[in-house]
Structures are given as C-alpha cells and as structure tokens.
C-alpha atoms as a PDB file:
ATOM      1  CA  MET A   1      16.727  29.268 -11.427  1.00  0.00           C
ATOM      2  CA  SER A   2      18.932  29.137  -8.344  1.00  0.00           C
ATOM      3  CA  GLY A   3      17.526  28.978  -4.826  1.00  0.00           C
ATOM      4  CA  GLU A   4      19.253  32.270  -4.020  1.00  0.00           C
ATOM      5  CA  SER A   5      17.766  34.213  -6.908  1.00  0.00           C
ATOM      6  CA  ASP A   6      14.370  32.678  -6.269  1.00  0.00           C
ATOM      7  CA  CYS A   7      14.439  33.781  -2.648  1.00  0.00           C
ATOM      8  CA  THR A   8      15.630  37.239  -3.569  1.00  0.00           C
ATOM      9  CA  ARG A   9      12.723  37.669  -5.909  1.00  0.00           C
ATOM     10  CA  THR A  10      10.029  36.144  -3.737  1.00  0.00           C
ATOM     11  CA  SER A  11      10.729  37.314  -0.210  1.00  0.00           C
ATOM     12  CA  PRO A  12       8.477  40.276   0.607  1.00  0.00           C
ATOM     13  CA  SER A  13      11.245  41.837   2.685  1.00  0.00           C
ATOM     14  CA  ALA A  14      13.792  41.648  -0.119  1.00  0.00           C
ATOM     15  CA  GLY A  15      12.550  44.298  -2.536  1.00  0.00           C
ATOM     16  CA  SER A  16      10.862  47.636  -2.850  1.00  0.00           C
ATOM     17  CA  PRO A  17       7.194  47.921  -3.860  1.00  0.00           C
ATOM     18  CA  SER A  18       8.259  48.535  -7.442  1.00  0.00           C
ATOM     19  CA  ASP A  19       9.950  45.143  -7.464  1.00  0.00           C
ATOM     20  CA  SER A  20       6.613  43.384  -6.971  1.00  0.00           C
ATOM     21  CA  GLU A  21       6.041  43.446 -10.685  1.00  0.00           C
ATOM     22  CA  LEU A  22       9.081  41.213 -11.108  1.00  0.00           C
ATOM     23  CA  LEU A  23       7.830  38.493  -8.784  1.00  0.00           C
ATOM     24  CA  PRO A  24       7.419  35.148 -10.570  1.00  0.00           C
ATOM     25  CA  ASP A  25       3.897  33.868 -10.992  1.00  0.00           C
ATOM     26  CA  ARG A  26       3.244  31.079  -8.513  1.00  0.00           C
ATOM     27  CA  PRO A  27       0.324  28.688  -8.626  1.00  0.00           C
ATOM     28  CA  LYS A  28      -2.435  30.050  -6.440  1.00  0.00           C
ATOM     29  CA  TYR A  29      -3.149  27.647  -3.612  1.00  0.00           C
ATOM     30  CA  VAL A  30      -6.669  26.233  -3.577  1.00  0.00           C
ATOM     31  CA  CYS A  31      -7.597  23.992  -0.655  1.00  0.00           C
ATOM     32  CA  THR A  32      -8.995  20.611  -1.723  1.00  0.00           C
ATOM     33  CA  LEU A  33      -9.720  19.299   1.770  1.00  0.00           C
ATOM     34  CA  SER A  34     -13.254  18.312   2.663  1.00  0.00           C
ATOM     35  CA  PRO A  35     -14.882  20.062   5.652  1.00  0.00           C
ATOM     36  CA  ASP A  36     -14.196  16.973   7.766  1.00  0.00           C
ATOM     37  CA  LEU A  37     -10.527  16.987   6.819  1.00  0.00           C
ATOM     38  CA  VAL A  38     -10.264  20.719   7.490  1.00  0.00           C
ATOM     39  CA  THR A  39     -11.527  19.981  10.985  1.00  0.00           C
ATOM     40  CA  LYS A  40      -9.139  17.036  11.366  1.00  0.00           C
ATOM     41  CA  ALA A  41      -6.196  19.159  10.217  1.00  0.00           C
ATOM     42  CA  ARG A  42      -7.140  21.830  12.732  1.00  0.00           C
ATOM     43  CA  GLU A  43      -7.400  19.338  15.608  1.00  0.00           C
ATOM     44  CA  GLU A  44      -4.438  17.083  14.804  1.00  0.00           C
ATOM     45  CA  LEU A  45      -2.040  19.328  12.890  1.00  0.00           C
ATOM     46  CA  GLN A  46      -2.785  22.757  14.389  1.00  0.00           C
ATOM     47  CA  GLU A  47      -3.702  23.979  10.897  1.00  0.00           C
ATOM     48  CA  LYS A  48      -5.919  27.050  10.928  1.00  0.00           C
ATOM     49  CA  PRO A  49      -7.367  27.850   7.485  1.00  0.00           C
ATOM     50  CA  GLU A  50      -7.459  31.557   8.261  1.00  0.00           C
ATOM     51  CA  TRP A  51      -3.719  31.546   9.030  1.00  0.00           C
ATOM     52  CA  ARG A  52      -2.614  28.943   6.456  1.00  0.00           C
ATOM     53  CA  LEU A  53      -1.076  31.287   3.874  1.00  0.00           C
ATOM     54  CA  ARG A  54       0.496  33.403   6.597  1.00  0.00           C
ATOM     55  CA  ASP A  55       2.192  30.289   7.941  1.00  0.00           C
ATOM     56  CA  VAL A  56       3.393  29.314   4.475  1.00  0.00           C
ATOM     57  CA  GLN A  57       4.852  32.778   3.960  1.00  0.00           C
ATOM     58  CA  ALA A  58       6.594  32.593   7.328  1.00  0.00           C
ATOM     59  CA  LEU A  59       8.281  29.338   6.304  1.00  0.00           C
ATOM     60  CA  ARG A  60       9.192  30.811   2.918  1.00  0.00           C
ATOM     61  CA  ASP A  61      10.809  33.808   4.614  1.00  0.00           C
ATOM     62  CA  MET A  62      12.812  31.515   6.911  1.00  0.00           C
ATOM     63  CA  VAL A  63      14.105  29.538   3.932  1.00  0.00           C
ATOM     64  CA  CYS A  64      15.162  32.705   2.140  1.00  0.00           C
ATOM     65  CA  LYS A  65      16.866  34.102   5.224  1.00  0.00           C
ATOM     66  CA  ASP A  66      18.604  30.987   6.555  1.00  0.00           C
ATOM     67  CA  TYR A  67      19.075  28.867   3.402  1.00  0.00           C
ATOM     68  CA  PRO A  68      19.114  31.207   0.398  1.00  0.00           C
ATOM     69  CA  SER A  69      21.020  28.630  -1.693  1.00  0.00           C
ATOM     70  CA  LEU A  70      18.855  25.652  -0.811  1.00  0.00           C
ATOM     71  CA  GLY A  71      17.393  25.559  -4.318  1.00  0.00           C
ATOM     72  CA  THR A  72      13.930  24.510  -3.197  1.00  0.00           C
ATOM     73  CA  CYS A  73      10.501  25.020  -4.668  1.00  0.00           C
ATOM     74  CA  LEU A  74       8.741  27.789  -2.744  1.00  0.00           C
ATOM     75  CA  ASP A  75       5.186  27.286  -3.953  1.00  0.00           C
ATOM     76  CA  ASP A  76       2.468  27.405  -1.302  1.00  0.00           C
ATOM     77  CA  ALA A  77       1.310  23.826  -1.900  1.00  0.00           C
ATOM     78  CA  PHE A  78       4.848  22.438  -1.708  1.00  0.00           C
ATOM     79  CA  LEU A  79       5.784  24.213   1.532  1.00  0.00           C
ATOM     80  CA  LEU A  80       2.441  23.291   3.060  1.00  0.00           C
ATOM     81  CA  ARG A  81       3.431  19.613   2.937  1.00  0.00           C
ATOM     82  CA  PHE A  82       6.278  20.297   5.361  1.00  0.00           C
ATOM     83  CA  LEU A  83       4.187  22.422   7.702  1.00  0.00           C
ATOM     84  CA  ARG A  84       1.538  19.707   7.946  1.00  0.00           C
ATOM     85  CA  ALA A  85       4.122  16.998   8.527  1.00  0.00           C
ATOM     86  CA  ARG A  86       5.450  18.952  11.512  1.00  0.00           C
ATOM     87  CA  LYS A  87       2.141  20.274  12.840  1.00  0.00           C
ATOM     88  CA  PHE A  88       2.854  23.845  11.741  1.00  0.00           C
ATOM     89  CA  ASP A  89       5.935  24.183  13.887  1.00  0.00           C
ATOM     90  CA  TYR A  90       8.000  26.564  11.737  1.00  0.00           C
ATOM     91  CA  ASP A  91      11.418  25.472  12.989  1.00  0.00           C
ATOM     92  CA  ARG A  92      10.700  21.756  12.646  1.00  0.00           C
ATOM     93  CA  ALA A  93       9.149  22.254   9.233  1.00  0.00           C
ATOM     94  CA  LEU A  94      12.234  24.155   8.088  1.00  0.00           C
ATOM     95  CA  GLN A  95      14.539  21.426   9.353  1.00  0.00           C
ATOM     96  CA  LEU A  96      12.438  18.800   7.567  1.00  0.00           C
ATOM     97  CA  LEU A  97      12.725  20.770   4.332  1.00  0.00           C
ATOM     98  CA  VAL A  98      16.508  21.043   4.732  1.00  0.00           C
ATOM     99  CA  ASN A  99      16.717  17.309   5.481  1.00  0.00           C
ATOM    100  CA  TYR A 100      14.596  16.579   2.411  1.00  0.00           C
ATOM    101  CA  HIS A 101      17.197  18.258   0.226  1.00  0.00           C
ATOM    102  CA  THR A 102      20.114  16.863   2.184  1.00  0.00           C
ATOM    103  CA  CYS A 103      18.892  13.318   1.559  1.00  0.00           C
ATOM    104  CA  ARG A 104      18.712  14.026  -2.146  1.00  0.00           C
ATOM    105  CA  ARG A 105      22.267  15.417  -2.224  1.00  0.00           C
ATOM    106  CA  THR A 106      23.991  12.763  -0.150  1.00  0.00           C
ATOM    107  CA  TRP A 107      22.721   9.591  -1.828  1.00  0.00           C
ATOM    108  CA  PRO A 108      23.234   9.938  -5.595  1.00  0.00           C
ATOM    109  CA  GLU A 109      22.691   6.212  -6.180  1.00  0.00           C
ATOM    110  CA  VAL A 110      19.072   6.759  -5.225  1.00  0.00           C
ATOM    111  CA  PHE A 111      18.319  10.283  -6.372  1.00  0.00           C
ATOM    112  CA  SER A 112      20.146  10.603  -9.696  1.00  0.00           C
ATOM    113  CA  ASN A 113      17.845  10.264 -12.719  1.00  0.00           C
ATOM    114  CA  LEU A 114      14.910   9.681 -10.384  1.00  0.00           C
ATOM    115  CA  LYS A 115      11.788   9.186 -12.506  1.00  0.00           C
ATOM    116  CA  PRO A 116       9.142   6.449 -12.867  1.00  0.00           C
ATOM    117  CA  SER A 117      10.441   5.091 -16.181  1.00  0.00           C
ATOM    118  CA  ALA A 118      13.847   4.505 -14.581  1.00  0.00           C
ATOM    119  CA  ILE A 119      12.388   2.098 -12.005  1.00  0.00           C
ATOM    120  CA  LYS A 120       9.953   0.310 -14.317  1.00  0.00           C
ATOM    121  CA  PRO A 121      11.520  -3.147 -13.673  1.00  0.00           C
ATOM    122  CA  VAL A 122      10.916  -2.704  -9.931  1.00  0.00           C
ATOM    123  CA  LEU A 123       7.296  -1.715 -10.513  1.00  0.00           C
ATOM    124  CA  GLU A 124       6.737  -4.666 -12.839  1.00  0.00           C
ATOM    125  CA  SER A 125       8.172  -7.050 -10.242  1.00  0.00           C
ATOM    126  CA  GLY A 126       5.465  -6.042  -7.766  1.00  0.00           C
ATOM    127  CA  PHE A 127       8.000  -5.114  -5.079  1.00  0.00           C
ATOM    128  CA  VAL A 128       5.961  -2.048  -4.138  1.00  0.00           C
ATOM    129  CA  THR A 129       2.408  -1.043  -4.921  1.00  0.00           C
ATOM    130  CA  VAL A 130      -0.489   0.843  -3.373  1.00  0.00           C
ATOM    131  CA  LEU A 131      -3.774  -0.878  -2.616  1.00  0.00           C
ATOM    132  CA  PRO A 132      -6.698   0.619  -4.557  1.00  0.00           C
ATOM    133  CA  HIS A 133      -8.808   1.412  -1.484  1.00  0.00           C
ATOM    134  CA  ARG A 134      -8.038   3.577   1.543  1.00  0.00           C
ATOM    135  CA  ASP A 135      -8.573   2.295   5.079  1.00  0.00           C
ATOM    136  CA  PRO A 136     -11.406   3.594   7.323  1.00  0.00           C
ATOM    137  CA  GLN A 137      -9.151   6.453   8.481  1.00  0.00           C
ATOM    138  CA  GLY A 138      -8.675   7.595   4.890  1.00  0.00           C
ATOM    139  CA  ARG A 139      -5.093   6.333   4.649  1.00  0.00           C
ATOM    140  CA  HIS A 140      -3.514   4.720   1.592  1.00  0.00           C
ATOM    141  CA  VAL A 141      -1.899   1.331   2.189  1.00  0.00           C
ATOM    142  CA  VAL A 142       1.552   0.903   0.653  1.00  0.00           C
ATOM    143  CA  CYS A 143       2.273  -2.794   0.080  1.00  0.00           C
ATOM    144  CA  ILE A 144       5.935  -3.876   0.002  1.00  0.00           C
ATOM    145  CA  ARG A 145       6.941  -7.441  -0.917  1.00  0.00           C
ATOM    146  CA  PRO A 146      10.703  -8.042  -0.663  1.00  0.00           C
ATOM    147  CA  ASP A 147      10.334 -11.591  -1.994  1.00  0.00           C
ATOM    148  CA  ARG A 148       9.579 -10.105  -5.434  1.00  0.00           C
ATOM    149  CA  TRP A 149      13.123  -8.743  -5.648  1.00  0.00           C
ATOM    150  CA  THR A 150      15.920 -10.749  -7.264  1.00  0.00           C
ATOM    151  CA  PRO A 151      19.236  -9.190  -6.127  1.00  0.00           C
ATOM    152  CA  SER A 152      21.070 -10.342  -9.245  1.00  0.00           C
ATOM    153  CA  ASN A 153      18.738  -8.232 -11.404  1.00  0.00           C
ATOM    154  CA  TYR A 154      19.412  -4.843  -9.807  1.00  0.00           C
ATOM    155  CA  PRO A 155      20.751  -3.408  -6.509  1.00  0.00           C
ATOM    156  CA  ILE A 156      18.646  -2.699  -3.446  1.00  0.00           C
ATOM    157  CA  THR A 157      18.846   1.036  -4.147  1.00  0.00           C
ATOM    158  CA  GLU A 158      16.449   0.521  -7.073  1.00  0.00           C
ATOM    159  CA  ASN A 159      13.820  -0.711  -4.615  1.00  0.00           C
ATOM    160  CA  ILE A 160      14.390   2.357  -2.462  1.00  0.00           C
ATOM    161  CA  ARG A 161      13.971   4.582  -5.517  1.00  0.00           C
ATOM    162  CA  ALA A 162      10.627   2.917  -6.268  1.00  0.00           C
ATOM    163  CA  ILE A 163       9.404   3.403  -2.700  1.00  0.00           C
ATOM    164  CA  TYR A 164      10.501   7.038  -2.724  1.00  0.00           C
ATOM    165  CA  LEU A 165       8.673   7.824  -5.964  1.00  0.00           C
ATOM    166  CA  THR A 166       5.599   6.066  -4.618  1.00  0.00           C
ATOM    167  CA  LEU A 167       5.649   8.322  -1.563  1.00  0.00           C
ATOM    168  CA  GLU A 168       6.233  11.402  -3.728  1.00  0.00           C
ATOM    169  CA  LYS A 169       3.150  10.547  -5.752  1.00  0.00           C
ATOM    170  CA  LEU A 170       1.016   9.895  -2.680  1.00  0.00           C
ATOM    171  CA  ILE A 171       2.020  13.097  -0.897  1.00  0.00           C
ATOM    172  CA  GLN A 172       0.732  15.197  -3.783  1.00  0.00           C
ATOM    173  CA  SER A 173      -2.723  14.569  -2.295  1.00  0.00           C
ATOM    174  CA  GLU A 174      -3.750  16.920   0.496  1.00  0.00           C
ATOM    175  CA  GLU A 175      -5.898  14.123   1.897  1.00  0.00           C
ATOM    176  CA  THR A 176      -2.762  12.007   2.348  1.00  0.00           C
ATOM    177  CA  GLN A 177      -0.874  14.938   3.858  1.00  0.00           C
ATOM    178  CA  VAL A 178      -3.497  15.072   6.604  1.00  0.00           C
ATOM    179  CA  ASN A 179      -4.374  11.392   7.043  1.00  0.00           C
ATOM    180  CA  GLY A 180      -0.938   9.840   6.530  1.00  0.00           C
ATOM    181  CA  ILE A 181      -0.268   6.353   5.179  1.00  0.00           C
ATOM    182  CA  VAL A 182      -0.072   2.761   6.371  1.00  0.00           C
ATOM    183  CA  ILE A 183       2.623   0.311   5.297  1.00  0.00           C
ATOM    184  CA  LEU A 184       1.997  -3.403   4.787  1.00  0.00           C
ATOM    185  CA  ALA A 185       5.251  -5.358   4.388  1.00  0.00           C
ATOM    186  CA  ASP A 186       5.095  -9.030   3.453  1.00  0.00           C
ATOM    187  CA  TYR A 187       8.377 -10.738   4.338  1.00  0.00           C
ATOM    188  CA  LYS A 188       7.411 -14.171   3.076  1.00  0.00           C
ATOM    189  CA  GLY A 189      10.402 -15.972   1.605  1.00  0.00           C
ATOM    190  CA  VAL A 190      13.043 -13.438   2.678  1.00  0.00           C
ATOM    191  CA  SER A 191      16.324 -15.324   3.015  1.00  0.00           C
ATOM    192  CA  LEU A 192      19.544 -14.518   4.822  1.00  0.00           C
ATOM    193  CA  SER A 193      21.299 -13.682   1.558  1.00  0.00           C
ATOM    194  CA  LYS A 194      18.601 -11.181   0.645  1.00  0.00           C
ATOM    195  CA  ALA A 195      18.505  -9.682   4.140  1.00  0.00           C
ATOM    196  CA  SER A 196      22.263  -9.132   4.063  1.00  0.00           C
ATOM    197  CA  HIS A 197      21.741  -6.378   1.465  1.00  0.00           C
ATOM    198  CA  PHE A 198      19.876  -4.332   4.071  1.00  0.00           C
ATOM    199  CA  GLY A 199      22.754  -3.541   6.425  1.00  0.00           C
ATOM    200  CA  PRO A 200      22.959  -0.723   8.989  1.00  0.00           C
ATOM    201  CA  PHE A 201      24.245   1.841   6.454  1.00  0.00           C
ATOM    202  CA  VAL A 202      21.243   1.350   4.148  1.00  0.00           C
ATOM    203  CA  ALA A 203      18.895   1.049   7.132  1.00  0.00           C
ATOM    204  CA  LYS A 204      20.108   4.329   8.601  1.00  0.00           C
ATOM    205  CA  LYS A 205      19.699   6.113   5.267  1.00  0.00           C
ATOM    206  CA  VAL A 206      16.193   4.778   4.609  1.00  0.00           C
ATOM    207  CA  ILE A 207      14.940   5.418   8.131  1.00  0.00           C
ATOM    208  CA  GLY A 208      16.519   8.858   8.082  1.00  0.00           C
ATOM    209  CA  ILE A 209      14.485   9.685   5.000  1.00  0.00           C
ATOM    210  CA  LEU A 210      11.213   8.259   6.322  1.00  0.00           C
ATOM    211  CA  GLN A 211      11.515   9.791   9.805  1.00  0.00           C
ATOM    212  CA  ASP A 212      13.286  13.089   9.215  1.00  0.00           C
ATOM    213  CA  GLY A 213      13.627  13.687   5.495  1.00  0.00           C
ATOM    214  CA  PHE A 214      10.224  13.316   3.885  1.00  0.00           C
ATOM    215  CA  PRO A 215       6.949  15.151   4.583  1.00  0.00           C
ATOM    216  CA  ILE A 216       4.681  12.184   5.136  1.00  0.00           C
ATOM    217  CA  ARG A 217       3.000  10.792   8.237  1.00  0.00           C
ATOM    218  CA  ILE A 218       3.537   7.042   8.642  1.00  0.00           C
ATOM    219  CA  LYS A 219       0.770   5.952  10.973  1.00  0.00           C
ATOM    220  CA  ALA A 220       1.429   2.189  11.084  1.00  0.00           C
ATOM    221  CA  VAL A 221       3.832  -0.433   9.733  1.00  0.00           C
ATOM    222  CA  ASN A 222       2.269  -3.890   9.550  1.00  0.00           C
ATOM    223  CA  ILE A 223       4.683  -6.802   9.063  1.00  0.00           C
ATOM    224  CA  ILE A 224       3.208 -10.069   7.821  1.00  0.00           C
ATOM    225  CA  ASN A 225       4.763 -13.509   7.226  1.00  0.00           C
ATOM    226  CA  GLU A 226       8.047 -12.449   8.783  1.00  0.00           C
ATOM    227  CA  PRO A 227      10.538 -15.343   9.122  1.00  0.00           C
ATOM    228  CA  ARG A 228      12.730 -15.858  12.151  1.00  0.00           C
ATOM    229  CA  ILE A 229      15.435 -13.849  10.439  1.00  0.00           C
ATOM    230  CA  PHE A 230      13.282 -10.743  10.730  1.00  0.00           C
ATOM    231  CA  LYS A 231      14.290 -10.554  14.390  1.00  0.00           C
ATOM    232  CA  GLY A 232      17.780  -9.836  13.141  1.00  0.00           C
ATOM    233  CA  ILE A 233      16.553  -7.356  10.544  1.00  0.00           C
ATOM    234  CA  PHE A 234      14.484  -5.501  13.121  1.00  0.00           C
ATOM    235  CA  ALA A 235      17.466  -5.504  15.474  1.00  0.00           C
ATOM    236  CA  ILE A 236      19.341  -3.576  12.781  1.00  0.00           C
ATOM    237  CA  ILE A 237      16.486  -1.153  12.228  1.00  0.00           C
ATOM    238  CA  LYS A 238      15.329  -0.468  15.774  1.00  0.00           C
ATOM    239  CA  PRO A 239      18.330   1.578  17.041  1.00  0.00           C
ATOM    240  CA  PHE A 240      17.584   4.146  14.354  1.00  0.00           C
ATOM    241  CA  LEU A 241      13.847   4.384  15.070  1.00  0.00           C
ATOM    242  CA  LYS A 242      12.295   7.042  17.227  1.00  0.00           C
ATOM    243  CA  GLU A 243      10.175   5.603  20.004  1.00  0.00           C
ATOM    244  CA  LYS A 244       6.961   6.925  18.465  1.00  0.00           C
ATOM    245  CA  ILE A 245       7.687   5.190  15.163  1.00  0.00           C
ATOM    246  CA  ALA A 246       8.922   1.992  16.816  1.00  0.00           C
ATOM    247  CA  ASN A 247       5.605   1.744  18.658  1.00  0.00           C
ATOM    248  CA  ARG A 248       3.790   1.825  15.316  1.00  0.00           C
ATOM    249  CA  PHE A 249       5.367  -1.437  14.151  1.00  0.00           C
ATOM    250  CA  PHE A 250       3.052  -4.450  14.355  1.00  0.00           C
ATOM    251  CA  LEU A 251       4.452  -7.939  13.756  1.00  0.00           C
ATOM    252  CA  HIS A 252       1.641 -10.329  12.820  1.00  0.00           C
ATOM    253  CA  GLY A 253       3.554 -13.443  11.743  1.00  0.00           C
ATOM    254  CA  CYS A 254       1.195 -15.664   9.759  1.00  0.00           C
ATOM    255  CA  ASP A 255      -1.852 -14.558  11.775  1.00  0.00           C
ATOM    256  CA  LEU A 256      -4.192 -12.910   9.282  1.00  0.00           C
ATOM    257  CA  ASN A 257      -6.753 -12.284  12.001  1.00  0.00           C
ATOM    258  CA  SER A 258      -4.165 -10.157  13.768  1.00  0.00           C
ATOM    259  CA  LEU A 259      -3.518  -8.235  10.542  1.00  0.00           C
ATOM    260  CA  HIS A 260      -7.252  -7.673  10.110  1.00  0.00           C
ATOM    261  CA  GLN A 261      -7.367  -5.923  13.459  1.00  0.00           C
ATOM    262  CA  ASN A 262      -5.283  -3.168  11.886  1.00  0.00           C
ATOM    263  CA  ILE A 263      -6.329  -3.336   8.226  1.00  0.00           C
ATOM    264  CA  PRO A 264      -9.911  -4.442   7.515  1.00  0.00           C
ATOM    265  CA  PRO A 265     -10.383  -7.380   5.094  1.00  0.00           C
ATOM    266  CA  VAL A 266     -12.693  -5.306   2.902  1.00  0.00           C
ATOM    267  CA  ILE A 267      -9.720  -3.352   1.492  1.00  0.00           C
ATOM    268  CA  LEU A 268      -7.203  -6.214   1.496  1.00  0.00           C
ATOM    269  CA  PRO A 269      -6.561  -8.525  -1.481  1.00  0.00           C
ATOM    270  CA  GLU A 270      -7.259 -12.239  -1.294  1.00  0.00           C
ATOM    271  CA  GLU A 271      -3.573 -12.945  -0.683  1.00  0.00           C
ATOM    272  CA  TYR A 272      -3.994 -11.446   2.791  1.00  0.00           C
ATOM    273  CA  GLY A 273      -7.378 -12.886   3.629  1.00  0.00           C
ATOM    274  CA  GLY A 274      -9.247  -9.931   2.194  1.00  0.00           C
ATOM    275  CA  THR A 275     -12.321  -9.580   0.016  1.00  0.00           C
ATOM    276  CA  ALA A 276     -11.004  -6.999  -2.477  1.00  0.00           C
ATOM    277  CA  GLY A 277     -10.035  -9.525  -5.146  1.00  0.00           C
ATOM    278  CA  LYS A 278      -6.579 -10.531  -6.316  1.00  0.00           C
ATOM    279  CA  LEU A 279      -3.717  -8.135  -5.717  1.00  0.00           C
ATOM    280  CA  ASP A 280      -3.462  -6.037  -8.874  1.00  0.00           C
ATOM    281  CA  ILE A 281      -0.307  -3.985  -9.351  1.00  0.00           C
ATOM    282  CA  SER A 282      -1.135  -2.740 -12.840  1.00  0.00           C
ATOM    283  CA  ALA A 283      -3.358   0.200 -11.829  1.00  0.00           C
ATOM    284  CA  TRP A 284      -0.751   1.781  -9.567  1.00  0.00           C
ATOM    285  CA  ASN A 285       2.057   1.130 -12.048  1.00  0.00           C
ATOM    286  CA  GLU A 286       0.094   2.838 -14.801  1.00  0.00           C
ATOM    287  CA  LEU A 287      -0.707   5.812 -12.574  1.00  0.00           C
ATOM    288  CA  LEU A 288       2.908   6.279 -11.519  1.00  0.00           C
ATOM    289  CA  LEU A 289       4.343   5.842 -15.010  1.00  0.00           C
ATOM    290  CA  ALA A 290       1.784   8.293 -16.376  1.00  0.00           C
ATOM    291  CA  SER A 291       3.172  10.883 -13.938  1.00  0.00           C
ATOM    292  CA  GLU A 292       6.571  11.018 -15.630  1.00  0.00           C
ATOM    293  CA  GLU A 293       6.212  14.597 -16.850  1.00  0.00           C
ATOM    294  CA  ASP A 294       4.918  15.765 -13.472  1.00  0.00           C
ATOM    295  CA  PHE A 295       7.988  14.370 -11.751  1.00  0.00           C
ATOM    296  CA  LEU A 296      10.342  15.886 -14.299  1.00  0.00           C
ATOM    297  CA  HIS A 297       8.746  19.286 -13.693  1.00  0.00           C
ATOM    298  CA  ASP A 298       8.548  18.976  -9.912  1.00  0.00           C
ATOM    299  CA  PHE A 299      12.115  17.742  -9.505  1.00  0.00           C
ATOM    300  CA  SER A 300      13.431  20.398 -11.873  1.00  0.00           C
ATOM    301  CA  GLU A 301      12.304  22.897  -9.233  1.00  0.00           C
ATOM    302  CA  LEU A 302      14.682  21.280  -6.756  1.00  0.00           C
ATOM    303  CA  VAL A 303      18.031  22.734  -7.749  1.00  0.00           C
ATOM    304  CA  LEU A 304      20.992  20.926  -6.219  1.00  0.00           C
ATOM    305  CA  PRO A 305      23.943  23.357  -6.293  1.00  0.00           C
ATOM    306  CA  CYS A 306      27.263  21.578  -5.950  1.00  0.00           C
ATOM    307  CA  ASP A 307      28.770  24.343  -3.867  1.00  0.00           C
ATOM    308  CA  SER A 308      25.985  24.408  -1.299  1.00  0.00           C
ATOM    309  CA  SER A 309      26.147  22.301   1.838  1.00  0.00           C
ATOM    310  CA  PRO A 310      23.338  23.036   4.317  1.00  0.00           C
ATOM    311  CA  HIS A 311      24.354  22.647   7.906  1.00  0.00           C
ATOM    312  CA  ASP A 312      22.751  20.073  10.175  1.00  0.00           C
ATOM    313  CA  LEU A 313      23.104  17.421   7.475  1.00  0.00           C
ATOM    314  CA  LEU A 314      21.119  14.296   8.086  1.00  0.00           C
ATOM    315  CA  VAL A 315      24.075  12.014   7.402  1.00  0.00           C
ATOM    316  CA  SER A 316      27.641  13.305   7.658  1.00  0.00           C
ATOM    317  CA  GLY A 317      31.057  12.645   9.072  1.00  0.00           C
ATOM    318  CA  ASP A 318      33.327   9.674   9.566  1.00  0.00           C
ATOM    319  CA  ALA A 319      31.969   9.108  13.063  1.00  0.00           C
ATOM    320  CA  GLU A 320      28.513   8.178  11.788  1.00  0.00           C
ATOM    321  CA  GLU A 321      29.957   5.879   9.116  1.00  0.00           C
ATOM    322  CA  LYS A 322      32.018   4.172  11.837  1.00  0.00           C
ATOM    323  CA  GLN A 323      28.856   3.804  13.916  1.00  0.00           C
ATOM    324  CA  CYS A 324      27.219   1.982  11.005  1.00  0.00           C
ATOM    325  CA  ASP A 325      30.227  -0.307  10.552  1.00  0.00           C
ATOM    326  CA  ASP A 326      30.299  -1.135  14.263  1.00  0.00           C
ATOM    327  CA  ALA A 327      26.561  -1.825  14.211  1.00  0.00           C
ATOM    328  CA  LEU A 328      26.959  -4.141  11.226  1.00  0.00           C
ATOM    329  CA  ARG A 329      29.621  -6.198  12.980  1.00  0.00           C
ATOM    330  CA  GLY A 330      27.370  -6.462  16.014  1.00  0.00           C
ATOM    331  CA  MET A 331      24.255  -7.427  14.091  1.00  0.00           C
ATOM    332  CA  LYS A 332      25.632 -10.101  11.773  1.00  0.00           C
ATOM    333  CA  PRO A 333      25.779 -12.769  14.516  1.00  0.00           C
ATOM    334  CA  GLN A 334      22.127 -12.012  15.314  1.00  0.00           C
ATOM    335  CA  LEU A 335      21.171 -12.513  11.680  1.00  0.00           C
ATOM    336  CA  TYR A 336      22.855 -15.899  11.491  1.00  0.00           C
ATOM    337  CA  TYR A 337      21.391 -16.933  14.840  1.00  0.00           C
ATOM    338  CA  CYS A 338      17.867 -16.047  13.767  1.00  0.00           C
ATOM    339  CA  TYR A 339      18.307 -17.775  10.443  1.00  0.00           C
END
C-alpha cells in the first residue's frame, strides 16, 4: 500500500460519507499508561487524554495533506509516539516523522534488511544490551560497550543497526514513550584505531537520528571508563549536539561513586559496582530476536518510494558533506593529541 493511497482512504476530509465503508481497519488504540503516568504525560508532555485521539487525527491529516507519498504507518499508536516525543506540538511532531523516514531513506547501509536476525553477531558480542531493571524514574538503561566490537569482523554500521533496533523495541512501550531512556556507555579499552571509525560523517548521521529522527526521549548519557582519547571523540560529537542534549552528558571516568549518583547500584550489574548480579546479555538478545516477525510487519508499513523525496531532509547537499570533511580534518589532530 502506498502512502498516497493510504492517506486518500484514511483522511476524513478526503471522501464522502459513503466512502467510510472502504476505510481500512486500524488497530483501536487502548491506553496502557498507569494513572501516575497519565498524570506525568499531562504535566511533562502536554498530553490530555480527552484530546489524545483528536491530536492523533490532526497529525494524520497533516501527513496526508503535506506528505501524501511519505509511505508511513498512520495507526494511532504509531503517530502517538511522535506527538509524545515533541510534547504534542503538531508541527514538530510532523517534522520528526518526516525526519524518521528521511533517515531510513538516506542511509541504506544501516536500514536495508533491518531485522534482529541480521545483527545477531552484534547482539552476541554484547556491544549493546538493555539492563533488566528500570531506574527510579521508570527509564530503561541502554548499555553500550564499544570494546566488545572487533572492526575486522563487521563495519561500524552494524553496531548502529543494533542500537537502532534496540530503540525501536523499547519505544513500543508507552511507559518508555513517556519516561524516556538513559544511556550507559562504557569506553574501557577504546583505542585510537577503533575511534577513527567514528568520524564526523558517522557522528552527524547518528546524532541526527537520535536528536531529530527518532521518537524517543534521551534523558541522560552516562560515560564510564572513558580514556583520554574520548576528549577527541567528544570534540567530534559536540558540534552536532543541541545544548539541551549536550548538558545531559555525564563523564564519570573510573569513578563508580559518580556513576551511582545518576544510576543507583541496585539496578547496575557487578561490573559497574552494582548489586544486580553479573551483566547478562542473553535475556535482551532473546527478547529482541523473538521480535523478528513484529519488526517485519512494522517495517513493512513503512513504504519507501524511490520517487519520493520529502523536503527538509535531515542530511542533504554537497555543502553538508564538505562540512563533515572539514570537521574531520580539524578533529584528527585532537584525536592523536588525546591519545
């Protein structure tokens, strides 16, 4: 089904009353938020339960009017993710949705054949996992360990694919849509040769997705065991970060007490001074791999027409590529200095 035909058939303004019988059946939205989370969503996200479906329909109408060939899923639950991520600002939610699709169209190395079974080696390496317990604010903790990656085994884009699928799985939960997530990145053992794979072009793409192209709220990024070279890595990343996100980065070095100020030991594994036992990646791997069919269905809803190019692309033009090249030349000396 194309995005255009889907919009034509689902927009209330597009057909006569007799056409209503032709409307495709969409899953009826059922709120799974607890009363406390409903209150939190109202206070922090401007989400009013009595207006929720009206807001979803407003976003759906905007998609059909402004981007009839976007090829997006228009289900209530799917569109609600984007409204929550942008505090029910229709225009910003629409732009986020467009960026979401733009990211998928402009980086085929990451988004082609994107399914859990395709990134099984990355999952088995332990590069990315999700801790079994949420923090006191109800946020999942995504644990990333670059030292588990061997560049000769597969390119860095495979790691990005694994992170993306992890986020896709997490954002299916309404609780996560409201509470957001926390990232814990352990940079122990990251060498100059490994850091060189994460240049400005990749950095810009990844940050573009996390900041402007994915409907998730990143509430904190905790860096642990970062070597001196991380100063160079962060120098590459920082120009692309919005101030709000940059202020959510916390560099702890080897100070576990500092880490525990942000993430309590009770949910951390022993490797990080916690009391939750050894870090076990098997449970998350099994959960993600068991979601294969869900991803195949969900992503099949996201039609990517070759002849459609939404305006306001997240990454486009020779000027931006030149900016990345110039940044790379400027940052390399910093990397070597820090190393």
